[in-house]
Amino acid sequence: MLNPVTIQYMSREEIERLLFSLSASRENEEAAAFEALARRLLQLLEQATD
């Protein structure tokens, strides 16, 4: 079951897999914005670890 507490304890790899398995509907602007934000945060984390 996926909930905020579960997500808090997920590894980076698990979060990446989850993020890339989900896709927001174009009609749901809030979900699409959250998806873009999460992807950008992952990019920034990747740059910070390089």
N, C-alpha and C. Protein backbone atom coordinates (compact mmCIF):
# COMPACT_ATOMS: atom_id res chain seq x y z
N MET A 1 0.84 -1.18 0.00
CA MET A 1 0.00 0.00 0.00
C MET A 1 0.88 1.24 0.00
N LEU A 2 0.59 2.16 -0.85
CA LEU A 2 1.38 3.37 -1.00
C LEU A 2 0.70 4.53 -0.27
N ASN A 3 1.41 5.11 0.68
CA ASN A 3 0.89 6.25 1.42
C ASN A 3 2.07 7.12 1.82
N PRO A 4 1.83 8.31 2.35
CA PRO A 4 2.94 9.21 2.70
C PRO A 4 3.97 8.61 3.64
N VAL A 5 3.55 7.77 4.58
CA VAL A 5 4.50 7.15 5.50
C VAL A 5 5.38 6.15 4.77
N THR A 6 4.78 5.35 3.91
CA THR A 6 5.55 4.38 3.13
C THR A 6 6.57 5.09 2.25
N ILE A 7 6.15 6.13 1.60
CA ILE A 7 7.04 6.88 0.70
C ILE A 7 8.22 7.46 1.46
N GLN A 8 8.00 7.87 2.69
CA GLN A 8 9.07 8.45 3.50
C GLN A 8 10.23 7.48 3.68
N TYR A 9 9.97 6.19 3.67
CA TYR A 9 11.01 5.20 3.90
C TYR A 9 11.50 4.51 2.63
N MET A 10 11.05 4.98 1.48
CA MET A 10 11.48 4.38 0.21
C MET A 10 12.88 4.85 -0.15
N SER A 11 13.62 3.98 -0.81
CA SER A 11 14.95 4.35 -1.29
C SER A 11 14.81 5.22 -2.53
N ARG A 12 15.89 5.85 -2.90
CA ARG A 12 15.89 6.68 -4.11
C ARG A 12 15.52 5.85 -5.33
N GLU A 13 16.07 4.65 -5.42
CA GLU A 13 15.78 3.78 -6.56
C GLU A 13 14.30 3.41 -6.61
N GLU A 14 13.71 3.13 -5.46
CA GLU A 14 12.28 2.80 -5.41
C GLU A 14 11.43 3.99 -5.85
N ILE A 15 11.81 5.17 -5.40
CA ILE A 15 11.07 6.37 -5.79
C ILE A 15 11.18 6.61 -7.29
N GLU A 16 12.39 6.43 -7.84
CA GLU A 16 12.57 6.61 -9.29
C GLU A 16 11.72 5.61 -10.07
N ARG A 17 11.73 4.34 -9.65
CA ARG A 17 10.92 3.33 -10.34
C ARG A 17 9.45 3.69 -10.28
N LEU A 18 8.99 4.11 -9.10
CA LEU A 18 7.59 4.48 -8.95
C LEU A 18 7.25 5.68 -9.83
N LEU A 19 8.09 6.69 -9.80
CA LEU A 19 7.83 7.90 -10.58
C LEU A 19 7.74 7.58 -12.07
N PHE A 20 8.65 6.76 -12.58
CA PHE A 20 8.66 6.47 -14.00
C PHE A 20 7.58 5.47 -14.40
N SER A 21 6.92 4.84 -13.41
CA SER A 21 5.82 3.93 -13.74
C SER A 21 4.48 4.66 -13.75
N LEU A 22 4.45 5.88 -13.20
CA LEU A 22 3.21 6.66 -13.15
C LEU A 22 3.24 7.78 -14.19
N SER A 23 2.08 8.15 -14.65
CA SER A 23 1.98 9.26 -15.58
C SER A 23 0.67 9.99 -15.34
N ALA A 24 0.76 11.29 -15.16
CA ALA A 24 -0.43 12.09 -14.90
C ALA A 24 -1.18 12.37 -16.20
N SER A 25 -2.48 12.44 -16.07
CA SER A 25 -3.32 12.80 -17.20
C SER A 25 -3.10 14.28 -17.54
N ARG A 26 -3.10 14.61 -18.80
CA ARG A 26 -2.93 16.00 -19.23
C ARG A 26 -4.07 16.89 -18.71
N GLU A 27 -5.25 16.28 -18.51
CA GLU A 27 -6.39 17.06 -18.02
C GLU A 27 -6.26 17.41 -16.54
N ASN A 28 -5.44 16.67 -15.81
CA ASN A 28 -5.26 16.92 -14.38
C ASN A 28 -4.01 17.78 -14.21
N GLU A 29 -4.18 19.08 -14.25
CA GLU A 29 -3.05 20.01 -14.22
C GLU A 29 -2.24 19.90 -12.94
N GLU A 30 -2.90 19.71 -11.82
CA GLU A 30 -2.18 19.60 -10.55
C GLU A 30 -1.30 18.35 -10.52
N ALA A 31 -1.82 17.23 -10.98
CA ALA A 31 -1.04 15.99 -11.02
C ALA A 31 0.11 16.11 -12.01
N ALA A 32 -0.13 16.73 -13.16
CA ALA A 32 0.92 16.91 -14.15
C ALA A 32 2.03 17.82 -13.61
N ALA A 33 1.65 18.87 -12.88
CA ALA A 33 2.64 19.77 -12.29
C ALA A 33 3.45 19.03 -11.23
N PHE A 34 2.80 18.21 -10.42
CA PHE A 34 3.51 17.45 -9.40
C PHE A 34 4.49 16.47 -10.04
N GLU A 35 4.05 15.81 -11.11
CA GLU A 35 4.93 14.88 -11.82
C GLU A 35 6.17 15.60 -12.35
N ALA A 36 5.97 16.77 -12.95
CA ALA A 36 7.10 17.55 -13.48
C ALA A 36 8.02 17.99 -12.34
N LEU A 37 7.46 18.39 -11.23
CA LEU A 37 8.25 18.79 -10.07
C LEU A 37 9.08 17.63 -9.54
N ALA A 38 8.47 16.47 -9.41
CA ALA A 38 9.20 15.30 -8.91
C ALA A 38 10.33 14.91 -9.86
N ARG A 39 10.06 14.95 -11.16
CA ARG A 39 11.12 14.62 -12.13
C ARG A 39 12.27 15.63 -12.05
N ARG A 40 11.95 16.90 -11.88
CA ARG A 40 12.98 17.93 -11.77
C ARG A 40 13.81 17.74 -10.50
N LEU A 41 13.16 17.42 -9.40
CA LEU A 41 13.89 17.16 -8.17
C LEU A 41 14.85 15.99 -8.32
N LEU A 42 14.42 14.94 -9.02
CA LEU A 42 15.32 13.81 -9.27
C LEU A 42 16.52 14.24 -10.12
N GLN A 43 16.28 15.09 -11.12
CA GLN A 43 17.38 15.60 -11.94
C GLN A 43 18.37 16.39 -11.09
N LEU A 44 17.85 17.25 -10.21
CA LEU A 44 18.72 18.06 -9.35
C LEU A 44 19.52 17.18 -8.39
N LEU A 45 18.88 16.15 -7.86
CA LEU A 45 19.60 15.21 -6.99
C LEU A 45 20.72 14.51 -7.76
N GLU A 46 20.44 14.13 -8.97
CA GLU A 46 21.44 13.45 -9.80
C GLU A 46 22.63 14.39 -10.05
N GLN A 47 22.36 15.64 -10.36
CA GLN A 47 23.43 16.62 -10.61
C GLN A 47 24.25 16.85 -9.34
N ALA A 48 23.60 16.86 -8.19
CA ALA A 48 24.29 17.12 -6.93
C ALA A 48 25.22 15.99 -6.55
N THR A 49 24.92 14.77 -7.01
CA THR A 49 25.74 13.63 -6.65
C THR A 49 26.85 13.38 -7.67
N ASP A 50 26.85 14.10 -8.77
CA ASP A 50 27.90 13.92 -9.80
C ASP A 50 29.18 14.61 -9.41
